[in-house]
Amino acid sequence: MRGLVFAIGGLAAMAQAATVGVNHGNIVVNGKAITHSGHDGDPLLAPDGKRLVFLRTMGKPLNSCAASGAETDNVELWTANIDGSGARRLLGIKADNDMHKTLCDFQGAQFSSNGNLLYFETPAWATSGAIHVYDFRAGKEHYVIDGDDVQVLAKCDEPDYRDKLIVTQHKYFVFGGSYDWPWLISPQGKTIGLIGGDNVDLAGMIKQACG
């Protein structure tokens, strides 16, 4: 069972932001439990404040479904309205010989600015995870790009960067050696450019670029 998590969803359009948390494995919104499985955690409020996503633990950990060898929690990705209605399963763990299609977890979930897309990371290759996205309009997920530590620039004030992704990728120098540096990636998974090297002040650069 994932640990106790609390998050505050700040929304200008709402008179009072919803308070989202977990209590004894149930999702709680504004002090009221909206799920009752006893196995839910990691809630994330959508930008419109009307719905959320969360993880539901289904049983014992599974043997790893990724080349990395990491143990896999048996979890599912769910969504519900903040009053608890409309709860439904979106995705579950899925092993595949093609690591581009494998889903071993739903780590670091983040919405796009309009809430239509939900990005997350799953363990995949031995040296890299994989970034996937769930499209609420299409009701489907797909692979975006290899990498780790995804950040979605959903709150960026600069239109050129809003909803772009920052992804740390494992790459190799021509004459040997490797590096793990952050890259700017389009929502479609296209590489836009290198952000910096080992000592980059990523938070500072984001603040400068996004305002």
Protein backbone atom coordinates (compact mmCIF):
# COMPACT_ATOMS: atom_id res chain seq x y z
CA MET A 1 0.00 0.00 0.00
CA ARG A 2 1.33 3.36 -0.95
CA GLY A 3 1.91 5.86 1.87
CA LEU A 4 -0.25 8.68 3.07
CA VAL A 5 -0.29 11.52 0.54
CA PHE A 6 -1.87 14.96 0.71
CA ALA A 7 -2.07 17.50 -2.10
CA ILE A 8 -3.71 20.88 -2.51
CA GLY A 9 -5.23 21.73 -5.87
CA GLY A 10 -5.06 25.48 -6.42
CA LEU A 11 -7.61 26.60 -9.01
CA ALA A 12 -8.38 30.22 -9.77
CA ALA A 13 -11.84 29.35 -11.06
CA MET A 14 -12.90 27.81 -7.76
CA ALA A 15 -13.87 29.79 -4.67
CA GLN A 16 -12.07 27.25 -2.53
CA ALA A 17 -9.53 24.72 -3.78
CA ALA A 18 -10.31 21.07 -3.22
CA THR A 19 -8.20 19.33 -0.59
CA VAL A 20 -7.26 15.85 -1.77
CA GLY A 21 -5.66 13.17 0.39
CA VAL A 22 -5.60 9.55 1.49
CA ASN A 23 -6.92 8.01 4.69
CA HIS A 24 -6.60 4.28 5.41
CA GLY A 25 -6.29 3.49 1.71
CA ASN A 26 -9.26 5.57 0.62
CA ILE A 27 -9.21 8.78 -1.42
CA VAL A 28 -10.51 11.75 0.56
CA VAL A 29 -11.74 15.03 -0.99
CA ASN A 30 -12.54 17.96 1.30
CA GLY A 31 -12.61 15.62 4.28
CA LYS A 32 -14.97 13.05 2.73
CA ALA A 33 -13.93 9.60 1.53
CA ILE A 34 -14.90 9.12 -2.11
CA THR A 35 -13.46 5.59 -2.51
CA HIS A 36 -13.80 2.67 -0.12
CA SER A 37 -11.46 -0.06 -1.38
CA GLY A 38 -8.86 0.44 1.32
CA HIS A 39 -6.18 0.10 -1.35
CA ASP A 40 -6.04 3.52 -3.01
CA GLY A 41 -3.31 6.16 -3.01
CA ASP A 42 -1.34 8.80 -4.93
CA PRO A 43 -4.30 11.07 -5.86
CA LEU A 44 -3.77 13.83 -8.41
CA LEU A 45 -6.34 16.55 -9.03
CA ALA A 46 -7.06 17.51 -12.65
CA PRO A 47 -6.58 21.19 -13.64
CA ASP A 48 -10.35 21.80 -13.81
CA GLY A 49 -10.74 20.62 -10.20
CA LYS A 50 -13.66 18.37 -11.14
CA ARG A 51 -11.94 15.00 -11.30
CA LEU A 52 -8.81 13.21 -10.21
CA VAL A 53 -6.71 10.16 -10.89
CA PHE A 54 -5.30 7.72 -8.35
CA LEU A 55 -3.60 4.34 -8.03
CA ARG A 56 -5.27 1.21 -6.69
CA THR A 57 -3.12 -1.63 -5.35
CA MET A 58 -4.57 -4.97 -6.41
CA GLY A 59 -2.45 -7.50 -4.54
CA LYS A 60 1.06 -8.74 -3.92
CA PRO A 61 3.97 -7.26 -5.94
CA LEU A 62 4.57 -8.94 -9.28
CA ASN A 63 7.75 -10.31 -10.73
CA SER A 64 9.34 -7.52 -12.72
CA CYS A 65 7.84 -6.90 -16.14
CA ALA A 66 10.70 -4.55 -17.11
CA ALA A 67 14.23 -5.19 -18.29
CA SER A 68 15.47 -3.10 -15.38
CA GLY A 69 14.61 -5.95 -13.01
CA ALA A 70 12.71 -3.67 -10.65
CA GLU A 71 9.95 -5.23 -8.57
CA THR A 72 6.53 -4.26 -9.88
CA ASP A 73 3.63 -3.25 -7.63
CA ASN A 74 0.36 -4.72 -8.84
CA VAL A 75 -1.38 -1.38 -9.36
CA GLU A 76 -4.07 0.07 -11.59
CA LEU A 77 -4.63 3.66 -12.71
CA TRP A 78 -8.13 4.93 -11.90
CA THR A 79 -10.11 8.14 -12.33
CA ALA A 80 -13.19 9.55 -10.59
CA ASN A 81 -15.09 12.78 -10.19
CA ILE A 82 -14.30 14.60 -6.95
CA ASP A 83 -17.67 13.52 -5.51
CA GLY A 84 -16.75 9.88 -6.12
CA SER A 85 -19.07 9.36 -9.08
CA GLY A 86 -17.86 7.98 -12.39
CA ALA A 87 -15.03 5.94 -10.87
CA ARG A 88 -13.42 3.73 -13.48
CA ARG A 89 -10.23 1.88 -14.24
CA LEU A 90 -8.04 3.42 -16.92
CA LEU A 91 -4.98 1.15 -17.10
CA GLY A 92 -3.35 -1.83 -15.44
CA ILE A 93 0.06 -3.49 -15.44
CA LYS A 94 0.86 -4.93 -18.85
CA ALA A 95 3.97 -6.94 -19.74
CA ASP A 96 5.13 -7.13 -23.34
CA ASN A 97 8.24 -8.27 -25.19
CA ASP A 98 8.31 -4.80 -26.72
CA MET A 99 9.33 -2.38 -23.96
CA HIS A 100 7.60 0.44 -25.83
CA LYS A 101 4.29 -1.30 -24.99
CA THR A 102 5.11 -2.42 -21.45
CA LEU A 103 3.41 -0.79 -18.45
CA CYS A 104 5.04 -1.66 -15.13
CA ASP A 105 3.97 1.36 -13.06
CA PHE A 106 2.40 4.81 -13.29
CA GLN A 107 5.04 6.94 -11.58
CA GLY A 108 5.11 10.73 -11.44
CA ALA A 109 1.74 11.28 -13.11
CA GLN A 110 1.19 14.85 -14.37
CA PHE A 111 -1.62 16.48 -16.34
CA SER A 112 -1.27 18.74 -19.34
CA SER A 113 -2.60 22.28 -18.81
CA ASN A 114 -6.07 21.44 -20.19
CA GLY A 115 -6.29 18.11 -18.37
CA ASN A 116 -6.78 16.10 -21.55
CA LEU A 117 -3.44 14.32 -21.29
CA LEU A 118 -1.88 12.48 -18.34
CA TYR A 119 1.83 11.71 -18.58
CA PHE A 120 3.54 9.10 -16.42
CA GLU A 121 6.73 7.07 -16.22
CA THR A 122 7.13 3.30 -16.19
CA PRO A 123 10.25 1.20 -15.64
CA ALA A 124 11.40 -0.22 -18.96
CA TRP A 125 14.97 -0.79 -20.11
CA ALA A 126 17.97 -1.52 -17.88
CA THR A 127 19.33 2.03 -18.31
CA SER A 128 16.13 4.01 -18.83
CA GLY A 129 12.47 4.24 -18.04
CA ALA A 130 9.77 5.11 -20.57
CA ILE A 131 7.38 8.05 -20.67
CA HIS A 132 3.79 7.26 -21.65
CA VAL A 133 0.66 9.38 -21.94
CA TYR A 134 -3.03 8.63 -21.44
CA ASP A 135 -5.36 10.61 -23.70
CA PHE A 136 -8.73 11.11 -22.00
CA ARG A 137 -10.36 12.15 -25.27
CA ALA A 138 -9.34 8.98 -27.08
CA GLY A 139 -9.47 6.72 -24.03
CA LYS A 140 -6.06 5.27 -24.92
CA GLU A 141 -2.43 5.42 -23.81
CA HIS A 142 0.72 5.34 -25.89
CA TYR A 143 4.48 5.53 -25.57
CA VAL A 144 6.05 8.99 -25.87
CA ILE A 145 9.83 8.68 -25.42
CA ASP A 146 12.51 6.89 -23.40
CA GLY A 147 13.70 8.67 -20.26
CA ASP A 148 13.19 9.41 -16.59
CA ASP A 149 12.16 12.23 -14.24
CA VAL A 150 9.56 13.73 -16.58
CA GLN A 151 8.35 17.25 -15.86
CA VAL A 152 5.33 18.63 -17.72
CA LEU A 153 5.49 22.41 -18.15
CA ALA A 154 1.72 22.70 -17.72
CA LYS A 155 1.91 25.95 -15.72
CA CYS A 156 4.46 27.67 -17.95
CA ASP A 157 3.45 31.25 -18.81
CA GLU A 158 5.50 31.19 -22.01
CA PRO A 159 3.29 29.72 -24.79
CA ASP A 160 6.31 28.33 -26.67
CA TYR A 161 7.15 26.09 -23.72
CA ARG A 162 3.75 25.41 -22.17
CA ASP A 163 2.94 21.68 -22.06
CA LYS A 164 6.38 20.74 -23.33
CA LEU A 165 8.18 17.98 -21.42
CA ILE A 166 11.53 17.92 -19.69
CA VAL A 167 12.94 14.39 -19.69
CA THR A 168 16.29 13.11 -18.45
CA GLN A 169 17.71 10.75 -21.06
CA HIS A 170 20.57 8.27 -20.89
CA LYS A 171 22.85 8.80 -23.90
CA TYR A 172 26.37 7.84 -24.97
CA PHE A 173 29.38 9.91 -26.00
CA VAL A 174 30.90 9.03 -29.38
CA PHE A 175 34.24 7.88 -27.96
CA GLY A 176 32.89 6.11 -24.89
CA GLY A 177 31.11 6.93 -21.66
CA SER A 178 27.56 7.99 -21.02
CA TYR A 179 25.57 10.84 -19.54
CA ASP A 180 22.10 11.54 -18.16
CA TRP A 181 21.07 15.09 -19.09
CA PRO A 182 17.70 16.87 -19.36
CA TRP A 183 16.14 17.47 -22.78
CA LEU A 184 13.16 19.51 -23.91
CA ILE A 185 10.65 17.24 -25.62
CA SER A 186 7.45 18.02 -27.51
CA PRO A 187 4.14 16.43 -26.40
CA GLN A 188 4.47 14.20 -29.47
CA GLY A 189 7.83 12.86 -28.27
CA LYS A 190 10.07 14.86 -30.62
CA THR A 191 13.38 16.13 -29.23
CA ILE A 192 13.53 19.94 -29.27
CA GLY A 193 16.93 20.44 -27.69
CA LEU A 194 19.38 19.87 -24.84
CA ILE A 195 18.70 21.95 -21.73
CA GLY A 196 22.02 21.47 -19.93
CA GLY A 197 24.66 19.16 -18.51
CA ASP A 198 25.59 17.69 -15.14
CA ASN A 199 25.50 20.92 -13.13
CA VAL A 200 22.52 22.61 -14.73
CA ASP A 201 20.23 24.58 -12.40
CA LEU A 202 17.10 23.06 -13.86
CA ALA A 203 14.67 24.73 -11.48
CA GLY A 204 16.28 28.10 -12.15
CA MET A 205 16.16 27.64 -15.90
CA ILE A 206 12.49 26.63 -15.79
CA LYS A 207 11.65 29.69 -13.71
CA GLN A 208 13.52 31.96 -16.11
CA ALA A 209 11.94 30.41 -19.21
CA CYS A 210 8.40 30.10 -17.88
CA GLY A 211 8.10 33.14 -15.66
